């Protein structure tokens, strides 16, 4: 999942495009069958630069599916990409407060009341486009 940038390893903090994996995306299957194919589509087929997979604390610490340097949030890293595709990310403040204002977020979630789905009602940026439904069907 890592790619070289100027002689060093790519970091989530520098990513221009992030696929943000939440607890509700289905664990390992959500990463292997949703997030990674989406990353390949964006990076290799569409040619977008610096596409990385990030995740919530539950995915990195609780489920231990990704390393800690992929965790977005209070106990992880701050990010400020152009685009985030959020897969079943509820949007706890400890996560969304560490996403920069320039991001446009496509938030795929079955719960229309999830905090990330309603974020634009609280603040103007980052811009969130909520897409309600099962991530396996809507993505």
C-alpha atoms as a PDB file:
ATOM      1  CA  UNK A   1       0.000   0.000   0.000  1.00  0.00           C
ATOM      2  CA  UNK A   2       2.966   2.284   0.400  1.00  0.00           C
ATOM      3  CA  UNK A   3       4.450   4.167  -2.492  1.00  0.00           C
ATOM      4  CA  UNK A   4       7.629   6.113  -2.909  1.00  0.00           C
ATOM      5  CA  UNK A   5       7.545   9.932  -2.771  1.00  0.00           C
ATOM      6  CA  UNK A   6      10.766  11.758  -3.428  1.00  0.00           C
ATOM      7  CA  UNK A   7      12.970   8.972  -2.130  1.00  0.00           C
ATOM      8  CA  UNK A   8      11.028   8.285   1.079  1.00  0.00           C
ATOM      9  CA  UNK A   9       7.961   6.315   1.994  1.00  0.00           C
ATOM     10  CA  UNK A  10       4.598   7.965   1.462  1.00  0.00           C
ATOM     11  CA  UNK A  11       2.842   9.107   4.602  1.00  0.00           C
ATOM     12  CA  UNK A  12      -0.820   9.491   5.318  1.00  0.00           C
ATOM     13  CA  UNK A  13      -0.223  13.109   6.335  1.00  0.00           C
ATOM     14  CA  UNK A  14       0.938  13.890   2.778  1.00  0.00           C
ATOM     15  CA  UNK A  15      -1.790  11.974   0.944  1.00  0.00           C
ATOM     16  CA  UNK A  16      -3.850  13.919  -1.578  1.00  0.00           C
ATOM     17  CA  UNK A  17      -6.550  11.238  -1.698  1.00  0.00           C
ATOM     18  CA  UNK A  18      -7.539   9.026   1.226  1.00  0.00           C
ATOM     19  CA  UNK A  19      -9.852   6.062   1.502  1.00  0.00           C
ATOM     20  CA  UNK A  20     -10.906   6.236   5.152  1.00  0.00           C
ATOM     21  CA  UNK A  21     -11.974   2.849   6.532  1.00  0.00           C
ATOM     22  CA  UNK A  22     -14.413   2.733   9.436  1.00  0.00           C
ATOM     23  CA  UNK A  23     -15.458  -0.058  11.764  1.00  0.00           C
ATOM     24  CA  UNK A  24     -18.715  -0.675   9.870  1.00  0.00           C
ATOM     25  CA  UNK A  25     -16.949  -1.498   6.603  1.00  0.00           C
ATOM     26  CA  UNK A  26     -16.561  -5.168   7.437  1.00  0.00           C
ATOM     27  CA  UNK A  27     -13.119  -5.630   8.949  1.00  0.00           C
ATOM     28  CA  UNK A  28     -10.403  -7.273   6.852  1.00  0.00           C
ATOM     29  CA  UNK A  29     -12.884  -7.917   4.049  1.00  0.00           C
ATOM     30  CA  UNK A  30     -13.705  -4.200   3.898  1.00  0.00           C
ATOM     31  CA  UNK A  31     -10.040  -3.365   3.429  1.00  0.00           C
ATOM     32  CA  UNK A  32      -9.215  -6.169   0.993  1.00  0.00           C
ATOM     33  CA  UNK A  33     -12.392  -6.118  -1.099  1.00  0.00           C
ATOM     34  CA  UNK A  34     -13.549  -2.475  -0.880  1.00  0.00           C
ATOM     35  CA  UNK A  35     -10.776  -0.080   0.108  1.00  0.00           C
ATOM     36  CA  UNK A  36      -7.821  -1.651  -1.721  1.00  0.00           C
ATOM     37  CA  UNK A  37      -9.647  -2.146  -5.069  1.00  0.00           C
ATOM     38  CA  UNK A  38     -10.876   1.458  -4.785  1.00  0.00           C
ATOM     39  CA  UNK A  39      -7.295   2.630  -4.118  1.00  0.00           C
ATOM     40  CA  UNK A  40      -6.078   0.722  -7.176  1.00  0.00           C
ATOM     41  CA  UNK A  41      -8.857   2.210  -9.311  1.00  0.00           C
ATOM     42  CA  UNK A  42      -8.038   5.773  -8.235  1.00  0.00           C
ATOM     43  CA  UNK A  43      -4.244   5.430  -8.345  1.00  0.00           C
ATOM     44  CA  UNK A  44      -3.557   3.065 -11.188  1.00  0.00           C
ATOM     45  CA  UNK A  45      -6.550   3.288 -13.477  1.00  0.00           C
ATOM     46  CA  UNK A  46      -7.410   6.989 -13.016  1.00  0.00           C
ATOM     47  CA  UNK A  47      -3.837   8.076 -12.357  1.00  0.00           C
ATOM     48  CA  UNK A  48      -4.484  10.110  -9.195  1.00  0.00           C
ATOM     49  CA  UNK A  49      -1.274  10.773  -7.266  1.00  0.00           C
ATOM     50  CA  UNK A  50      -0.626   9.733  -3.683  1.00  0.00           C
ATOM     51  CA  UNK A  51      -3.756   7.685  -2.884  1.00  0.00           C
ATOM     52  CA  UNK A  52      -3.599   6.016   0.532  1.00  0.00           C
ATOM     53  CA  UNK A  53      -5.785   4.039   2.892  1.00  0.00           C
ATOM     54  CA  UNK A  54      -6.363   5.481   6.348  1.00  0.00           C
ATOM     55  CA  UNK A  55      -8.667   4.364   9.124  1.00  0.00           C
ATOM     56  CA  UNK A  56     -10.381   5.038  12.399  1.00  0.00           C
ATOM     57  CA  UNK A  57      -9.034   4.036  15.813  1.00  0.00           C
ATOM     58  CA  UNK A  58     -11.290   0.978  15.929  1.00  0.00           C
ATOM     59  CA  UNK A  59      -9.777  -0.348  12.706  1.00  0.00           C
ATOM     60  CA  UNK A  60      -6.148   0.304  13.690  1.00  0.00           C
ATOM     61  CA  UNK A  61      -6.110  -0.242  17.458  1.00  0.00           C
ATOM     62  CA  UNK A  62      -9.094  -2.458  18.259  1.00  0.00           C
ATOM     63  CA  UNK A  63      -9.146  -4.699  15.181  1.00  0.00           C
ATOM     64  CA  UNK A  64      -5.422  -4.228  14.413  1.00  0.00           C
ATOM     65  CA  UNK A  65      -6.108  -4.352  10.666  1.00  0.00           C
ATOM     66  CA  UNK A  66      -3.831  -1.470   9.707  1.00  0.00           C
ATOM     67  CA  UNK A  67      -0.687  -0.050  11.318  1.00  0.00           C
ATOM     68  CA  UNK A  68      -0.924   2.930  13.650  1.00  0.00           C
ATOM     69  CA  UNK A  69       0.589   5.275  11.064  1.00  0.00           C
ATOM     70  CA  UNK A  70      -2.660   4.819   9.100  1.00  0.00           C
ATOM     71  CA  UNK A  71      -4.898   6.052  11.926  1.00  0.00           C
ATOM     72  CA  UNK A  72      -6.536   9.432  11.406  1.00  0.00           C
ATOM     73  CA  UNK A  73      -7.362  11.259  14.598  1.00  0.00           C
ATOM     74  CA  UNK A  74      -6.409  12.335  18.066  1.00  0.00           C
ATOM     75  CA  UNK A  75      -4.211   9.308  18.756  1.00  0.00           C
ATOM     76  CA  UNK A  76      -3.136   9.085  15.112  1.00  0.00           C
ATOM     77  CA  UNK A  77      -2.272  11.663  12.462  1.00  0.00           C
ATOM     78  CA  UNK A  78      -3.811  14.838  11.077  1.00  0.00           C
ATOM     79  CA  UNK A  79      -4.614  14.854   7.365  1.00  0.00           C
ATOM     80  CA  UNK A  80      -5.585  17.515   4.838  1.00  0.00           C
ATOM     81  CA  UNK A  81      -6.187  15.751   1.508  1.00  0.00           C
ATOM     82  CA  UNK A  82      -8.154  16.979  -1.470  1.00  0.00           C
ATOM     83  CA  UNK A  83     -10.578  14.051  -1.220  1.00  0.00           C
ATOM     84  CA  UNK A  84     -11.585  11.508   1.395  1.00  0.00           C
ATOM     85  CA  UNK A  85     -13.796   8.567   0.572  1.00  0.00           C
ATOM     86  CA  UNK A  86     -15.136   7.547   3.985  1.00  0.00           C
ATOM     87  CA  UNK A  87     -16.345   3.949   4.153  1.00  0.00           C
ATOM     88  CA  UNK A  88     -18.674   3.445   7.140  1.00  0.00           C
ATOM     89  CA  UNK A  89     -16.918   6.078   9.264  1.00  0.00           C
ATOM     90  CA  UNK A  90     -19.250   7.263  12.014  1.00  0.00           C
ATOM     91  CA  UNK A  91     -17.347  10.479  12.553  1.00  0.00           C
ATOM     92  CA  UNK A  92     -16.394  10.707  16.202  1.00  0.00           C
ATOM     93  CA  UNK A  93     -14.859  14.109  17.049  1.00  0.00           C
ATOM     94  CA  UNK A  94     -11.553  12.377  17.852  1.00  0.00           C
ATOM     95  CA  UNK A  95     -11.457  11.412  14.161  1.00  0.00           C
ATOM     96  CA  UNK A  96     -13.065  14.222  12.182  1.00  0.00           C
ATOM     97  CA  UNK A  97     -11.383  17.033  14.119  1.00  0.00           C
ATOM     98  CA  UNK A  98      -8.103  15.858  12.571  1.00  0.00           C
ATOM     99  CA  UNK A  99      -9.259  16.219   8.971  1.00  0.00           C
ATOM    100  CA  UNK A 100      -8.263  19.506   7.334  1.00  0.00           C
ATOM    101  CA  UNK A 101     -10.732  21.996   5.917  1.00  0.00           C
ATOM    102  CA  UNK A 102      -9.708  21.666   2.268  1.00  0.00           C
ATOM    103  CA  UNK A 103     -11.000  18.090   2.076  1.00  0.00           C
ATOM    104  CA  UNK A 104     -14.104  17.082   0.209  1.00  0.00           C
ATOM    105  CA  UNK A 105     -15.550  13.995   1.889  1.00  0.00           C
ATOM    106  CA  UNK A 106     -17.738  11.416   0.198  1.00  0.00           C
ATOM    107  CA  UNK A 107     -19.258   9.757   3.238  1.00  0.00           C
ATOM    108  CA  UNK A 108     -20.759   6.321   2.604  1.00  0.00           C
ATOM    109  CA  UNK A 109     -22.744   5.169   5.634  1.00  0.00           C
ATOM    110  CA  UNK A 110     -25.887   3.173   6.321  1.00  0.00           C
ATOM    111  CA  UNK A 111     -26.709   5.522   9.234  1.00  0.00           C
ATOM    112  CA  UNK A 112     -28.017   8.878   7.988  1.00  0.00           C
ATOM    113  CA  UNK A 113     -27.607  10.231  11.539  1.00  0.00           C
ATOM    114  CA  UNK A 114     -23.893   9.389  11.835  1.00  0.00           C
ATOM    115  CA  UNK A 115     -21.963  12.506  12.910  1.00  0.00           C
ATOM    116  CA  UNK A 116     -19.904  12.597   9.696  1.00  0.00           C
ATOM    117  CA  UNK A 117     -23.067  12.429   7.592  1.00  0.00           C
ATOM    118  CA  UNK A 118     -24.393  15.521   9.400  1.00  0.00           C
ATOM    119  CA  UNK A 119     -21.109  17.430   9.751  1.00  0.00           C
ATOM    120  CA  UNK A 120     -22.053  20.205   7.318  1.00  0.00           C
ATOM    121  CA  UNK A 121     -24.923  21.169   9.613  1.00  0.00           C
ATOM    122  CA  UNK A 122     -22.325  22.070  12.253  1.00  0.00           C
ATOM    123  CA  UNK A 123     -19.543  23.670  10.199  1.00  0.00           C
ATOM    124  CA  UNK A 124     -18.964  24.662   6.572  1.00  0.00           C
ATOM    125  CA  UNK A 125     -15.683  22.797   6.027  1.00  0.00           C
ATOM    126  CA  UNK A 126     -14.650  20.198   5.238  1.00  0.00           C
ATOM    127  CA  UNK A 127     -17.382  19.755   2.656  1.00  0.00           C
ATOM    128  CA  UNK A 128     -19.245  16.472   3.164  1.00  0.00           C
ATOM    129  CA  UNK A 129     -21.381  14.704   0.592  1.00  0.00           C
ATOM    130  CA  UNK A 130     -23.402  12.080   2.527  1.00  0.00           C
ATOM    131  CA  UNK A 131     -24.308   8.951   0.587  1.00  0.00           C
ATOM    132  CA  UNK A 132     -26.723   6.902   2.664  1.00  0.00           C
ATOM    133  CA  UNK A 133     -26.819   3.141   2.215  1.00  0.00           C
ATOM    134  CA  UNK A 134     -24.846  -0.044   2.719  1.00  0.00           C
ATOM    135  CA  UNK A 135     -21.228   0.608   1.660  1.00  0.00           C
ATOM    136  CA  UNK A 136     -21.121  -2.721  -0.167  1.00  0.00           C
ATOM    137  CA  UNK A 137     -23.956  -1.553  -2.426  1.00  0.00           C
ATOM    138  CA  UNK A 138     -23.330   2.186  -2.713  1.00  0.00           C
ATOM    139  CA  UNK A 139     -19.570   2.161  -3.302  1.00  0.00           C
END
